[in-house]
Amino acid sequence: MPEIAIGALIGNGSVLLARRSSERRTHPDRWSLPGGHVESGEDAEAAMRRELLEEIGVTPQRWLFAGKFISESPPGASAIFHVYHVDQWRGIPKLVADEHTALRWFTAAEIACETELAPPQLVEMLLNLLRRETSQQT
């Protein structure tokens, strides 16, 4: 089963999501975390760092493993997702490649009512990360 490493850039009570291109085979035109496939000989942490640089032009400086899950949607595209909470990075997030069409910061309230988040397992995980971030700031 393919493995995917994704990074949740979180700052000021919001998380950065990337809108997947309509040309993407899985989850086209959906909001998701930037990231991608773990390559042969690479661990998930290294893949997350590489993918964030390739896709949004940032270099993670501090991160924690947030968890992993298996997504079985859409049918035939099952994958294991490794999620990292990134709270310090170098660079300003921007669209680098053509895999995404937009970047946007989402609050917990926006995540809770976003119907185009993929894979769906991200909703609860992102809400937990944002709640944790907010409670640490108070």
Protein backbone atom coordinates (compact mmCIF):
# COMPACT_ATOMS: atom_id res chain seq x y z
CA MET A 1 0.00 0.00 0.00
CA PRO A 2 1.44 3.41 -0.91
CA GLU A 3 2.53 5.70 1.91
CA ILE A 4 1.87 9.45 1.87
CA ALA A 5 3.58 12.01 4.11
CA ILE A 6 1.78 15.33 4.67
CA GLY A 7 2.53 18.41 6.72
CA ALA A 8 0.06 20.54 8.68
CA LEU A 9 1.57 24.02 8.85
CA ILE A 10 -0.15 25.61 11.83
CA GLY A 11 0.21 29.17 12.99
CA ASN A 12 -2.00 31.85 14.57
CA GLY A 13 -4.80 29.33 15.13
CA SER A 14 -5.03 28.32 11.45
CA VAL A 15 -3.80 25.48 9.26
CA LEU A 16 -2.59 25.85 5.67
CA LEU A 17 -4.47 23.77 3.12
CA ALA A 18 -3.76 23.35 -0.58
CA ARG A 19 -6.49 22.91 -3.20
CA ARG A 20 -5.65 19.91 -5.36
CA SER A 21 -5.63 20.47 -9.11
CA SER A 22 -8.61 19.24 -11.13
CA GLU A 23 -6.08 17.12 -13.05
CA ARG A 24 -5.19 15.01 -9.98
CA ARG A 25 -6.22 11.35 -10.17
CA THR A 26 -7.35 11.16 -6.56
CA HIS A 27 -9.37 13.84 -4.79
CA PRO A 28 -9.34 16.43 -7.60
CA ASP A 29 -10.44 19.96 -6.62
CA ARG A 30 -10.38 19.08 -2.91
CA TRP A 31 -8.60 20.85 -0.05
CA SER A 32 -5.85 18.79 1.56
CA LEU A 33 -2.53 19.12 3.34
CA PRO A 34 0.52 19.50 1.11
CA GLY A 35 2.66 16.40 0.84
CA GLY A 36 3.13 13.32 -1.26
CA HIS A 37 4.41 9.81 -1.72
CA VAL A 38 7.19 8.35 0.39
CA GLU A 39 9.84 7.26 -2.10
CA SER A 40 11.90 4.07 -1.96
CA GLY A 41 14.64 4.32 0.68
CA GLU A 42 13.02 7.38 2.28
CA ASP A 43 11.20 7.56 5.61
CA ALA A 44 7.94 9.46 6.05
CA GLU A 45 9.59 12.34 7.91
CA ALA A 46 12.12 12.94 5.11
CA ALA A 47 9.33 12.67 2.52
CA MET A 48 7.27 15.30 4.34
CA ARG A 49 10.23 17.72 4.42
CA ARG A 50 11.00 17.13 0.73
CA GLU A 51 7.38 17.43 -0.38
CA LEU A 52 6.74 20.69 1.50
CA LEU A 53 9.75 22.24 -0.21
CA GLU A 54 8.74 20.91 -3.64
CA GLU A 55 5.05 21.82 -3.39
CA ILE A 56 4.87 25.04 -1.35
CA GLY A 57 8.47 26.24 -1.09
CA VAL A 58 8.93 25.95 2.67
CA THR A 59 11.53 24.09 4.72
CA PRO A 60 10.14 22.69 7.98
CA GLN A 61 12.23 23.75 10.99
CA ARG A 62 10.24 22.13 13.83
CA TRP A 63 7.62 19.40 13.62
CA LEU A 64 6.00 16.57 15.56
CA PHE A 65 4.46 13.36 14.29
CA ALA A 66 0.69 13.86 14.67
CA GLY A 67 -0.50 10.39 13.67
CA LYS A 68 -1.28 8.13 10.79
CA PHE A 69 -4.35 6.59 9.22
CA ILE A 70 -5.40 4.46 6.27
CA SER A 71 -7.62 6.01 3.65
CA GLU A 72 -9.55 3.65 1.41
CA SER A 73 -11.21 6.29 -0.70
CA PRO A 74 -11.60 6.60 -3.54
CA PRO A 75 -11.87 2.84 -4.21
CA GLY A 76 -8.64 1.48 -5.64
CA ALA A 77 -6.55 4.32 -4.18
CA SER A 78 -5.89 3.11 -0.65
CA ALA A 79 -2.91 4.66 1.11
CA ILE A 80 -1.33 5.06 4.52
CA PHE A 81 -1.10 8.74 5.51
CA HIS A 82 1.59 10.02 7.91
CA VAL A 83 0.65 13.44 9.29
CA TYR A 84 3.15 15.90 10.79
CA HIS A 85 2.32 19.05 12.77
CA VAL A 86 4.75 21.73 11.55
CA ASP A 87 4.86 24.83 13.74
CA GLN A 88 8.08 26.43 12.48
CA TRP A 89 9.28 26.69 8.90
CA ARG A 90 11.56 28.76 6.71
CA GLY A 91 10.11 30.47 3.64
CA ILE A 92 6.72 31.86 2.71
CA PRO A 93 4.19 29.27 1.51
CA LYS A 94 3.47 29.67 -2.18
CA LEU A 95 2.35 27.52 -5.09
CA VAL A 96 5.47 25.97 -6.62
CA ALA A 97 4.28 23.18 -8.88
CA ASP A 98 1.03 22.53 -10.73
CA GLU A 99 -0.29 19.96 -8.24
CA HIS A 100 -2.32 22.63 -6.43
CA THR A 101 -4.33 25.63 -7.60
CA ALA A 102 -4.64 27.59 -4.33
CA LEU A 103 -3.32 27.87 -0.78
CA ARG A 104 -5.48 29.11 2.09
CA TRP A 105 -5.34 29.32 5.88
CA PHE A 106 -8.32 27.66 7.60
CA THR A 107 -9.51 28.13 11.18
CA ALA A 108 -11.01 25.28 13.21
CA ALA A 109 -14.52 26.63 12.54
CA GLU A 110 -13.84 26.59 8.78
CA ILE A 111 -12.39 23.07 8.93
CA ALA A 112 -15.46 21.84 10.84
CA CYS A 113 -17.81 22.91 8.05
CA GLU A 114 -15.55 22.31 5.02
CA THR A 115 -17.14 19.65 2.83
CA GLU A 116 -14.30 19.40 0.31
CA LEU A 117 -11.50 18.20 2.58
CA ALA A 118 -9.69 15.05 1.48
CA PRO A 119 -9.16 12.49 2.74
CA PRO A 120 -12.06 12.84 5.18
CA GLN A 121 -10.06 11.45 8.12
CA LEU A 122 -8.15 14.75 8.18
CA VAL A 123 -11.08 16.71 9.63
CA GLU A 124 -10.89 15.32 13.17
CA MET A 125 -7.09 15.22 13.19
CA LEU A 126 -6.82 18.88 12.10
CA LEU A 127 -9.46 19.98 14.60
CA ASN A 128 -7.50 18.27 17.39
CA LEU A 129 -4.24 19.91 16.29
CA LEU A 130 -5.87 23.35 16.11
CA ARG A 131 -7.52 22.91 19.53
CA ARG A 132 -4.18 21.90 21.02
CA GLU A 133 -2.48 24.92 19.41
CA THR A 134 -5.17 27.30 20.68
CA SER A 135 -5.08 25.93 24.23
CA GLN A 136 -1.27 26.32 24.36
CA GLN A 137 -1.56 29.98 23.39
CA THR A 138 -3.88 30.83 26.29
